[in-house]
Amino acid sequence: MKKQEVFDNYNNFILSTYTRTAGVFVKGKGMTLIDMDGKKYLDFFPGWGVSNVGHCHPKVMSAVRDQIGTLIHLPNNFYHPQQAKLAKEIVRWSFPSKVFFGNSGAEACEGAIKFARVFGQGRYEVITFENSFHGRTLAAVTATGQKKYNAPFAPLPEGFKTVAFNDIEAIKSAITDKTAAIMLELVQGEGGINVAKPEFLKELRQLCDEKKLLLIFDEVQTGMGRLGEMFGFKAFGVVPDVMILAKSLGGGLPIGVMVVKKEIADIFKPGMHASTFGGSPLVCKAALGAFAAISKDKMLINTRKMSPYFFAKANALKKKCSCVKEVRGLGLMMGIELTIEGKAIFEECFAQGLIINCTQGNVLRLMPALNVTKKQIDKAFFILEKAIRKVAG
């Protein structure tokens, strides 16, 4: 198939729900993507945060090849060993809990919202935060604190309040006798890489304990090593009641997981929630491969080692380029806020063989694989500086 035929097929047969960048990719390995023309790209936003271990990591691919010839799908009224192993591994790295398997972050969020309503016993409101992002299903997009995502789908479901991020007084004012849970990202990704303050999270944990509210952490982007810990909550020292995971957990395959503290997990009874494809043998084996890649390849250590260098390069760029307003983030999750629109810089980086992301109009988002090297970071910032200078002067 030729490139133009690919474009034509997309235009003719696929709904235009994405603004696509004109690259047709056919191969990926580690930090590199290769297009139909053989051009190589350094991917500093792999799979929108899915490929934390890089593209086609050998441990993930080996796990998939091993499983795909044996058993791909099994309904969840039967047992299979891969789901049992993965559940145990998630609990081992997180907190005493039980897990529910789905297919995406939005589905995991939906599960958490439903769980909160059952937990609330008549209380049903979930408090979320401005600039948050929790998914595209109707409840998840209502929970998302950005009108550009949820306004087109009005009337929205009731039971959600949005308040200012990192503002404990705003939370206290929003709590009523209908409140069941508080849900947040530890680092707001789509919202512009806004990091939760440790003291705010500690106050939030105390408040939820006092009011008997669920504290839900959306770790769809911060999970699986992104912040230097397998799950981001450990970097803040605050344990949630419910944690939702997706993206990089499957090593590239679709998965979503809701993790619930063991002492409240049995609130969900058989038949109250389900997912046909959730936790299949194939995707569970891939996720076990992702865990193996992160732990055996010492990617958490590499993340903690590379993070200071990563941010030093960004702050050096800030000193050289007046359009760089602020650098923020944690681990290998970075936002570079600009005083100008970022789209043209994203496009120029792409033209020069660097893939990044632009969110909120003026925040460049960089999230390289956890095994990134200094050489790759140097190359990325060399291209980024060239792009900024070309666009901004």
Foldseek 3Di string as FASTA:
>chain_A
DDLVVVVVCCVPPPDPPDDDDSFAWDDWDFQWTAGPVRDIFREQCPPVQQQLLTPPPVLLVVLLVVPVVPFWFDFPVDDDVLLVVLQVVVCVQADAWGKDKAFAQLVLVVVVQLLLCLQLVQQRAEEEEALAARDQDQVRQVQGNDCVRHVVPPPGDDRYHYYHAQDVVRVVVPDDSNAAAYEYECFGALSFGRHHDLVSLVVVLVVCVVVVHFYEYEQQNVACQQQLGNTDVVVSVHHGQKYKYFRHLQNPGTMIMIIGRHVSRPSDDPPSDGHGGTPTSSSSSSSVSSVCSCVVVVLSVLLVVCVVVLVVLVVVLCVVAVQFDDWDHHRQKIKTFGVAFCPQLQSQLVVVRYHWDDHPRGIIIGRHHSNDDSVSSVVSSVSSSVSCVVVVD
